[in-house]
Amino acid sequence: MSKKIAIITGASRGLGKNTALHLARQGVDIIGTYHSREDEAQSVVAEIEALGGKAKMLRLDVGSSGQFDAFVTQISALLKAYFHAERVDFLVNNAGIGLYASCAETTEAQFDQLMNVHFKGPFFLTQKLLPLIADGGRIVNLSSGLARFSPVGYAAYASMKGAIEVWTRYLAKELGPRGITVNALAPGAIETDFGGGSVRDNADVNAWVSANTAMGRAGLPDDIGAAIAMLLGDGGRWITAQRIEVSGGMFI
């Protein structure tokens, strides 16, 4: 039986890296993307290979849709030459950037960058990859708890994640006849370097998050990687078109 293969965008660090390692431990081979940090990307490849899996990392700017045709051609060739396969089983649209700015302060350039990376990019990258996703496969789109609760400073970012959640439902309906599930997974505040690492590195911010979370602490990358791996496992086969928040009960 051939091994399953996952494409994970933004897999060189943070939640993408953690997801890649969780899936690798479950016997899934990985094709990851990175934006600029090739050394970190290759370090993840080495970790996956040490677990007995196969992995490749490809450079991709998810915010630049003009790169997608060449990227899909590269994926197709890599599948045949290295993984001895024609299709992938999983797609995790994870890559992202952070922005803290009020509605009054957000510039058009910032708005456009967020839209390109967080909504236009995943939308059209997924569209281009659909012929390479096996029937019965799974797609997970990363949303955010910020699409539900509304602290000041995240309006543009959260709006893109809201768009992701609506698109997820439509995509799930369209791909249902192919047996492909599509879900949005929405992390709460997580201790990573995302957004300057404030949840991880600022004790006051971490304490504030912990005080407003039912489980009494901020989230860890391992909480999210494990949840995505669970959703892509056998138990997720009848879950589709859902927004699944993984926040430990933040602001409930």
C-alpha atoms as a PDB file:
ATOM      1  CA  MET A   1       0.000   0.000   0.000  1.00  0.00           C
ATOM      2  CA  SER A   2       1.455   3.365  -1.019  1.00  0.00           C
ATOM      3  CA  LYS A   3       2.104   5.989   1.639  1.00  0.00           C
ATOM      4  CA  LYS A   4      -0.036   9.081   1.808  1.00  0.00           C
ATOM      5  CA  ILE A   5       1.465  12.424   0.796  1.00  0.00           C
ATOM      6  CA  ALA A   6       0.668  15.888   2.164  1.00  0.00           C
ATOM      7  CA  ILE A   7       1.406  19.342   0.764  1.00  0.00           C
ATOM      8  CA  ILE A   8       1.837  21.874   3.577  1.00  0.00           C
ATOM      9  CA  THR A   9       2.454  25.544   2.824  1.00  0.00           C
ATOM     10  CA  GLY A  10       4.675  27.403   5.266  1.00  0.00           C
ATOM     11  CA  ALA A  11       6.155  24.167   6.592  1.00  0.00           C
ATOM     12  CA  SER A  12       9.615  25.413   7.582  1.00  0.00           C
ATOM     13  CA  ARG A  13       8.591  26.718  11.006  1.00  0.00           C
ATOM     14  CA  GLY A  14       5.771  27.236  13.475  1.00  0.00           C
ATOM     15  CA  LEU A  15       2.467  25.467  12.975  1.00  0.00           C
ATOM     16  CA  GLY A  16       3.374  24.187   9.515  1.00  0.00           C
ATOM     17  CA  LYS A  17       6.531  22.523  10.779  1.00  0.00           C
ATOM     18  CA  ASN A  18       4.715  21.007  13.728  1.00  0.00           C
ATOM     19  CA  THR A  19       1.978  19.671  11.446  1.00  0.00           C
ATOM     20  CA  ALA A  20       4.573  18.156   9.097  1.00  0.00           C
ATOM     21  CA  LEU A  21       6.258  16.328  11.969  1.00  0.00           C
ATOM     22  CA  HIS A  22       2.971  15.035  13.382  1.00  0.00           C
ATOM     23  CA  LEU A  23       1.951  13.691   9.984  1.00  0.00           C
ATOM     24  CA  ALA A  24       5.397  12.176   9.408  1.00  0.00           C
ATOM     25  CA  ARG A  25       5.052  10.253  12.673  1.00  0.00           C
ATOM     26  CA  GLN A  26       1.799   8.859  11.270  1.00  0.00           C
ATOM     27  CA  GLY A  27       3.620   7.640   8.159  1.00  0.00           C
ATOM     28  CA  VAL A  28       2.690  10.508   5.818  1.00  0.00           C
ATOM     29  CA  ASP A  29       5.314  11.827   3.383  1.00  0.00           C
ATOM     30  CA  ILE A  30       5.625  15.594   3.121  1.00  0.00           C
ATOM     31  CA  ILE A  31       5.990  18.220   0.406  1.00  0.00           C
ATOM     32  CA  GLY A  32       6.435  21.524   2.200  1.00  0.00           C
ATOM     33  CA  THR A  33       6.900  25.094   1.081  1.00  0.00           C
ATOM     34  CA  TYR A  34       9.004  27.852   2.550  1.00  0.00           C
ATOM     35  CA  HIS A  35       9.256  31.534   1.710  1.00  0.00           C
ATOM     36  CA  SER A  36      12.910  32.407   2.284  1.00  0.00           C
ATOM     37  CA  ARG A  37      14.533  30.374   5.076  1.00  0.00           C
ATOM     38  CA  GLU A  38      15.966  27.430   3.172  1.00  0.00           C
ATOM     39  CA  ASP A  39      18.164  26.348   6.078  1.00  0.00           C
ATOM     40  CA  GLU A  40      15.129  25.964   8.348  1.00  0.00           C
ATOM     41  CA  ALA A  41      13.257  24.139   5.601  1.00  0.00           C
ATOM     42  CA  GLN A  42      16.056  21.632   5.082  1.00  0.00           C
ATOM     43  CA  SER A  43      16.276  21.103   8.833  1.00  0.00           C
ATOM     44  CA  VAL A  44      12.623  20.000   8.798  1.00  0.00           C
ATOM     45  CA  VAL A  45      13.400  17.613   5.919  1.00  0.00           C
ATOM     46  CA  ALA A  46      16.199  16.086   8.005  1.00  0.00           C
ATOM     47  CA  GLU A  47      13.858  15.623  10.978  1.00  0.00           C
ATOM     48  CA  ILE A  48      11.272  13.875   8.811  1.00  0.00           C
ATOM     49  CA  GLU A  49      13.891  11.631   7.222  1.00  0.00           C
ATOM     50  CA  ALA A  50      15.113  10.727  10.715  1.00  0.00           C
ATOM     51  CA  LEU A  51      11.570   9.529  11.408  1.00  0.00           C
ATOM     52  CA  GLY A  52      11.800   7.248   8.365  1.00  0.00           C
ATOM     53  CA  GLY A  53       9.721   9.396   6.030  1.00  0.00           C
ATOM     54  CA  LYS A  54      10.283  11.185   2.754  1.00  0.00           C
ATOM     55  CA  ALA A  55      10.166  14.959   2.458  1.00  0.00           C
ATOM     56  CA  LYS A  56      10.968  17.755   0.041  1.00  0.00           C
ATOM     57  CA  MET A  57      10.799  21.493   0.530  1.00  0.00           C
ATOM     58  CA  LEU A  58      10.048  23.898  -2.329  1.00  0.00           C
ATOM     59  CA  ARG A  59      10.321  27.660  -2.302  1.00  0.00           C
ATOM     60  CA  LEU A  60       7.012  29.452  -2.848  1.00  0.00           C
ATOM     61  CA  ASP A  61       5.567  32.875  -2.137  1.00  0.00           C
ATOM     62  CA  VAL A  62       1.901  32.092  -1.535  1.00  0.00           C
ATOM     63  CA  GLY A  63       1.122  35.774  -2.003  1.00  0.00           C
ATOM     64  CA  SER A  64       2.385  35.697  -5.601  1.00  0.00           C
ATOM     65  CA  SER A  65      -0.153  33.765  -7.667  1.00  0.00           C
ATOM     66  CA  GLY A  66       1.941  34.178 -10.807  1.00  0.00           C
ATOM     67  CA  GLN A  67       4.256  31.484  -9.413  1.00  0.00           C
ATOM     68  CA  PHE A  68       1.545  28.843  -9.110  1.00  0.00           C
ATOM     69  CA  ASP A  69       1.606  27.291 -12.582  1.00  0.00           C
ATOM     70  CA  ALA A  70       5.348  26.640 -12.374  1.00  0.00           C
ATOM     71  CA  PHE A  71       4.946  25.362  -8.815  1.00  0.00           C
ATOM     72  CA  VAL A  72       2.263  22.840  -9.797  1.00  0.00           C
ATOM     73  CA  THR A  73       4.447  21.629 -12.675  1.00  0.00           C
ATOM     74  CA  GLN A  74       7.289  21.223 -10.176  1.00  0.00           C
ATOM     75  CA  ILE A  75       5.031  19.268  -7.799  1.00  0.00           C
ATOM     76  CA  SER A  76       3.868  16.954 -10.572  1.00  0.00           C
ATOM     77  CA  ALA A  77       7.441  16.169 -11.607  1.00  0.00           C
ATOM     78  CA  LEU A  78       8.523  15.665  -7.987  1.00  0.00           C
ATOM     79  CA  LEU A  79       5.670  13.253  -7.321  1.00  0.00           C
ATOM     80  CA  LYS A  80       6.712  11.021 -10.192  1.00  0.00           C
ATOM     81  CA  ALA A  81      10.486  11.224  -9.755  1.00  0.00           C
ATOM     82  CA  TYR A  82      10.854  11.126  -5.971  1.00  0.00           C
ATOM     83  CA  PHE A  83       7.622   9.876  -4.411  1.00  0.00           C
ATOM     84  CA  HIS A  84       6.689   7.491  -7.250  1.00  0.00           C
ATOM     85  CA  ALA A  85       3.122   8.772  -7.140  1.00  0.00           C
ATOM     86  CA  GLU A  86       0.734  10.769  -9.286  1.00  0.00           C
ATOM     87  CA  ARG A  87      -1.439  12.394  -6.636  1.00  0.00           C
ATOM     88  CA  VAL A  88      -1.253  13.868  -3.145  1.00  0.00           C
ATOM     89  CA  ASP A  89      -3.755  12.992  -0.439  1.00  0.00           C
ATOM     90  CA  PHE A  90      -3.725  16.081   1.759  1.00  0.00           C
ATOM     91  CA  LEU A  91      -3.372  19.840   1.294  1.00  0.00           C
ATOM     92  CA  VAL A  92      -2.849  22.113   4.301  1.00  0.00           C
ATOM     93  CA  ASN A  93      -3.075  25.817   3.455  1.00  0.00           C
ATOM     94  CA  ASN A  94      -1.071  27.091   6.397  1.00  0.00           C
ATOM     95  CA  ALA A  95       1.347  29.797   5.199  1.00  0.00           C
ATOM     96  CA  GLY A  96       0.639  33.235   6.589  1.00  0.00           C
ATOM     97  CA  ILE A  97       1.871  36.535   7.945  1.00  0.00           C
ATOM     98  CA  GLY A  98       0.687  38.685  10.817  1.00  0.00           C
ATOM     99  CA  LEU A  99      -0.326  42.331  10.997  1.00  0.00           C
ATOM    100  CA  TYR A 100      -1.359  44.448  13.949  1.00  0.00           C
ATOM    101  CA  ALA A 101      -3.107  47.652  12.867  1.00  0.00           C
ATOM    102  CA  SER A 102      -6.433  49.295  13.560  1.00  0.00           C
ATOM    103  CA  CYS A 103      -8.963  49.883  10.781  1.00  0.00           C
ATOM    104  CA  ALA A 104      -7.962  53.557  10.771  1.00  0.00           C
ATOM    105  CA  GLU A 105      -4.254  52.760  10.438  1.00  0.00           C
ATOM    106  CA  THR A 106      -4.270  49.867   7.942  1.00  0.00           C
ATOM    107  CA  THR A 107      -2.781  50.883   4.595  1.00  0.00           C
ATOM    108  CA  GLU A 108      -3.963  49.629   1.216  1.00  0.00           C
ATOM    109  CA  ALA A 109      -0.578  48.001   0.696  1.00  0.00           C
ATOM    110  CA  GLN A 110      -0.927  46.078   3.974  1.00  0.00           C
ATOM    111  CA  PHE A 111      -4.485  45.090   3.094  1.00  0.00           C
ATOM    112  CA  ASP A 112      -3.459  43.848  -0.342  1.00  0.00           C
ATOM    113  CA  GLN A 113      -0.559  41.847   1.100  1.00  0.00           C
ATOM    114  CA  LEU A 114      -2.825  40.166   3.633  1.00  0.00           C
ATOM    115  CA  MET A 115      -5.418  39.417   0.971  1.00  0.00           C
ATOM    116  CA  ASN A 116      -2.831  37.936  -1.389  1.00  0.00           C
ATOM    117  CA  VAL A 117      -1.228  35.720   1.252  1.00  0.00           C
ATOM    118  CA  HIS A 118      -4.277  34.693   3.258  1.00  0.00           C
ATOM    119  CA  PHE A 119      -7.114  34.501   0.752  1.00  0.00           C
ATOM    120  CA  LYS A 120      -6.255  34.962  -2.920  1.00  0.00           C
ATOM    121  CA  GLY A 121      -3.168  32.764  -2.584  1.00  0.00           C
ATOM    122  CA  PRO A 122      -4.866  29.765  -0.952  1.00  0.00           C
ATOM    123  CA  PHE A 123      -7.888  30.110  -3.254  1.00  0.00           C
ATOM    124  CA  PHE A 124      -5.953  29.961  -6.495  1.00  0.00           C
ATOM    125  CA  LEU A 125      -3.189  27.641  -5.301  1.00  0.00           C
ATOM    126  CA  THR A 126      -5.853  25.126  -4.315  1.00  0.00           C
ATOM    127  CA  GLN A 127      -7.585  25.622  -7.663  1.00  0.00           C
ATOM    128  CA  LYS A 128      -4.348  24.836  -9.505  1.00  0.00           C
ATOM    129  CA  LEU A 129      -3.631  21.804  -7.301  1.00  0.00           C
ATOM    130  CA  LEU A 130      -7.091  20.214  -7.552  1.00  0.00           C
ATOM    131  CA  PRO A 131      -6.112  17.879 -10.436  1.00  0.00           C
ATOM    132  CA  LEU A 132      -3.252  16.553  -8.279  1.00  0.00           C
ATOM    133  CA  ILE A 133      -5.371  15.861  -5.184  1.00  0.00           C
ATOM    134  CA  ALA A 134      -6.610  12.277  -5.029  1.00  0.00           C
ATOM    135  CA  ASP A 135     -10.311  11.526  -4.790  1.00  0.00           C
ATOM    136  CA  GLY A 136     -11.048  10.837  -1.140  1.00  0.00           C
ATOM    137  CA  GLY A 137      -8.412  13.364  -0.084  1.00  0.00           C
ATOM    138  CA  ARG A 138      -8.557  16.113   2.534  1.00  0.00           C
ATOM    139  CA  ILE A 139      -8.000  19.871   2.534  1.00  0.00           C
ATOM    140  CA  VAL A 140      -7.452  21.919   5.693  1.00  0.00           C
ATOM    141  CA  ASN A 141      -7.459  25.714   5.494  1.00  0.00           C
ATOM    142  CA  LEU A 142      -6.019  27.644   8.423  1.00  0.00           C
ATOM    143  CA  SER A 143      -8.342  30.269   9.831  1.00  0.00           C
ATOM    144  CA  SER A 144      -8.045  32.000  13.213  1.00  0.00           C
ATOM    145  CA  GLY A 145      -9.889  32.472  16.459  1.00  0.00           C
ATOM    146  CA  LEU A 146      -9.798  36.151  15.498  1.00  0.00           C
ATOM    147  CA  ALA A 147     -12.573  35.443  12.992  1.00  0.00           C
ATOM    148  CA  ARG A 148     -14.842  34.836  16.031  1.00  0.00           C
ATOM    149  CA  PHE A 149     -13.601  37.248  18.723  1.00  0.00           C
ATOM    150  CA  SER A 150     -12.503  40.790  17.986  1.00  0.00           C
ATOM    151  CA  PRO A 151      -9.631  42.413  19.905  1.00  0.00           C
ATOM    152  CA  VAL A 152      -8.688  45.762  18.385  1.00  0.00           C
ATOM    153  CA  GLY A 153      -5.894  45.650  15.805  1.00  0.00           C
ATOM    154  CA  TYR A 154      -6.656  42.590  13.709  1.00  0.00           C
ATOM    155  CA  ALA A 155      -9.520  43.726  11.467  1.00  0.00           C
ATOM    156  CA  ALA A 156      -7.870  43.189   8.081  1.00  0.00           C
ATOM    157  CA  TYR A 157      -6.168  39.929   9.052  1.00  0.00           C
ATOM    158  CA  ALA A 158      -9.321  38.499  10.600  1.00  0.00           C
ATOM    159  CA  SER A 159     -11.431  39.565   7.622  1.00  0.00           C
ATOM    160  CA  MET A 160      -9.264  37.428   5.344  1.00  0.00           C
ATOM    161  CA  LYS A 161      -9.739  34.501   7.701  1.00  0.00           C
ATOM    162  CA  GLY A 162     -13.484  35.078   7.632  1.00  0.00           C
ATOM    163  CA  ALA A 163     -13.310  34.841   3.852  1.00  0.00           C
ATOM    164  CA  ILE A 164     -11.368  31.583   4.184  1.00  0.00           C
ATOM    165  CA  GLU A 165     -14.166  30.125   6.290  1.00  0.00           C
ATOM    166  CA  VAL A 166     -16.871  31.001   3.748  1.00  0.00           C
ATOM    167  CA  TRP A 167     -14.747  29.670   0.863  1.00  0.00           C
ATOM    168  CA  THR A 168     -14.135  26.459   2.820  1.00  0.00           C
ATOM    169  CA  ARG A 169     -17.868  25.694   2.881  1.00  0.00           C
ATOM    170  CA  TYR A 170     -18.292  26.305  -0.847  1.00  0.00           C
ATOM    171  CA  LEU A 171     -15.224  24.237  -1.696  1.00  0.00           C
ATOM    172  CA  ALA A 172     -16.478  21.385   0.497  1.00  0.00           C
ATOM    173  CA  LYS A 173     -19.760  21.332  -1.396  1.00  0.00           C
ATOM    174  CA  GLU A 174     -18.043  21.386  -4.788  1.00  0.00           C
ATOM    175  CA  LEU A 175     -15.555  18.648  -3.896  1.00  0.00           C
ATOM    176  CA  GLY A 176     -18.004  16.403  -2.055  1.00  0.00           C
ATOM    177  CA  PRO A 177     -18.714  14.332  -5.187  1.00  0.00           C
ATOM    178  CA  ARG A 178     -14.988  13.501  -5.307  1.00  0.00           C
ATOM    179  CA  GLY A 179     -15.027  12.371  -1.678  1.00  0.00           C
ATOM    180  CA  ILE A 180     -12.707  15.235  -0.689  1.00  0.00           C
ATOM    181  CA  THR A 181     -13.348  16.845   2.695  1.00  0.00           C
ATOM    182  CA  VAL A 182     -12.584  20.525   3.268  1.00  0.00           C
ATOM    183  CA  ASN A 183     -12.439  22.135   6.699  1.00  0.00           C
ATOM    184  CA  ALA A 184     -11.201  25.336   8.304  1.00  0.00           C
ATOM    185  CA  LEU A 185      -9.132  24.946  11.458  1.00  0.00           C
ATOM    186  CA  ALA A 186      -8.986  28.072  13.617  1.00  0.00           C
ATOM    187  CA  PRO A 187      -6.155  28.289  16.171  1.00  0.00           C
ATOM    188  CA  GLY A 188      -6.425  30.553  19.176  1.00  0.00           C
ATOM    189  CA  ALA A 189      -3.425  32.414  20.587  1.00  0.00           C
ATOM    190  CA  ILE A 190      -0.370  30.187  20.141  1.00  0.00           C
ATOM    191  CA  GLU A 191       3.193  30.453  21.453  1.00  0.00           C
ATOM    192  CA  THR A 192       5.083  30.865  18.149  1.00  0.00           C
ATOM    193  CA  ASP A 193       7.086  33.648  16.493  1.00  0.00           C
ATOM    194  CA  PHE A 194       3.924  34.674  14.614  1.00  0.00           C
ATOM    195  CA  GLY A 195       3.101  38.354  15.041  1.00  0.00           C
ATOM    196  CA  GLY A 196       6.495  39.045  16.567  1.00  0.00           C
ATOM    197  CA  GLY A 197       6.201  36.223  19.085  1.00  0.00           C
ATOM    198  CA  SER A 198       4.233  38.278  21.621  1.00  0.00           C
ATOM    199  CA  VAL A 199       2.177  35.360  22.979  1.00  0.00           C
ATOM    200  CA  ARG A 200       5.350  33.330  23.514  1.00  0.00           C
ATOM    201  CA  ASP A 201       7.763  36.045  24.635  1.00  0.00           C
ATOM    202  CA  ASN A 202       5.681  38.731  26.380  1.00  0.00           C
ATOM    203  CA  ALA A 203       4.772  37.532  29.870  1.00  0.00           C
ATOM    204  CA  ASP A 204       1.909  40.022  30.220  1.00  0.00           C
ATOM    205  CA  VAL A 205       0.339  38.978  26.917  1.00  0.00           C
ATOM    206  CA  ASN A 206       0.750  35.300  27.790  1.00  0.00           C
ATOM    207  CA  ALA A 207      -0.873  35.856  31.185  1.00  0.00           C
ATOM    208  CA  TRP A 208      -3.774  37.745  29.572  1.00  0.00           C
ATOM    209  CA  VAL A 209      -4.345  34.924  27.079  1.00  0.00           C
ATOM    210  CA  SER A 210      -4.166  32.304  29.835  1.00  0.00           C
ATOM    211  CA  ALA A 211      -6.651  34.213  32.004  1.00  0.00           C
ATOM    212  CA  ASN A 212      -9.148  34.336  29.118  1.00  0.00           C
ATOM    213  CA  THR A 213      -8.812  30.666  28.112  1.00  0.00           C
ATOM    214  CA  ALA A 214     -10.862  27.870  29.669  1.00  0.00           C
ATOM    215  CA  MET A 215      -7.865  25.533  29.755  1.00  0.00           C
ATOM    216  CA  GLY A 216      -5.848  28.141  31.641  1.00  0.00           C
ATOM    217  CA  ARG A 217      -2.871  28.546  29.312  1.00  0.00           C
ATOM    218  CA  ALA A 218      -1.859  29.794  25.881  1.00  0.00           C
ATOM    219  CA  GLY A 219      -1.785  27.306  23.037  1.00  0.00           C
ATOM    220  CA  LEU A 220       1.353  25.496  21.865  1.00  0.00           C
ATOM    221  CA  PRO A 221       2.293  24.546  18.290  1.00  0.00           C
ATOM    222  CA  ASP A 222       1.886  20.908  19.302  1.00  0.00           C
ATOM    223  CA  ASP A 223      -1.787  21.556  20.081  1.00  0.00           C
ATOM    224  CA  ILE A 224      -2.412  22.638  16.490  1.00  0.00           C
ATOM    225  CA  GLY A 225      -0.223  20.115  14.691  1.00  0.00           C
ATOM    226  CA  ALA A 226      -1.917  17.312  16.605  1.00  0.00           C
ATOM    227  CA  ALA A 227      -5.387  18.652  15.773  1.00  0.00           C
ATOM    228  CA  ILE A 228      -4.634  18.889  12.048  1.00  0.00           C
ATOM    229  CA  ALA A 229      -3.167  15.386  12.068  1.00  0.00           C
ATOM    230  CA  MET A 230      -6.303  14.147  13.811  1.00  0.00           C
ATOM    231  CA  LEU A 231      -8.525  15.799  11.210  1.00  0.00           C
ATOM    232  CA  LEU A 232      -6.504  14.173   8.418  1.00  0.00           C
ATOM    233  CA  GLY A 233      -6.679  10.765  10.107  1.00  0.00           C
ATOM    234  CA  ASP A 234      -9.380   8.115   9.769  1.00  0.00           C
ATOM    235  CA  GLY A 235     -11.584   9.850  12.319  1.00  0.00           C
ATOM    236  CA  GLY A 236     -11.935  12.910  10.088  1.00  0.00           C
ATOM    237  CA  ARG A 237     -13.432  11.183   7.078  1.00  0.00           C
ATOM    238  CA  TRP A 238     -17.034  12.299   7.781  1.00  0.00           C
ATOM    239  CA  ILE A 239     -16.168  15.854   8.854  1.00  0.00           C
ATOM    240  CA  THR A 240     -16.433  18.473   6.116  1.00  0.00           C
ATOM    241  CA  ALA A 241     -17.451  22.117   5.610  1.00  0.00           C
ATOM    242  CA  GLN A 242     -16.742  22.852   9.285  1.00  0.00           C
ATOM    243  CA  ARG A 243     -15.008  25.615  11.199  1.00  0.00           C
ATOM    244  CA  ILE A 244     -13.104  23.835  13.968  1.00  0.00           C
ATOM    245  CA  GLU A 245     -11.642  26.156  16.576  1.00  0.00           C
ATOM    246  CA  VAL A 246      -8.599  24.878  18.461  1.00  0.00           C
ATOM    247  CA  SER A 247      -8.171  27.532  21.112  1.00  0.00           C
ATOM    248  CA  GLY A 248      -8.510  25.753  24.447  1.00  0.00           C
ATOM    249  CA  GLY A 249     -11.766  27.639  24.984  1.00  0.00           C
ATOM    250  CA  MET A 250     -10.506  31.193  24.497  1.00  0.00           C
ATOM    251  CA  PHE A 251     -13.133  33.878  25.152  1.00  0.00           C
ATOM    252  CA  ILE A 252     -16.028  31.482  25.731  1.00  0.00           C
END
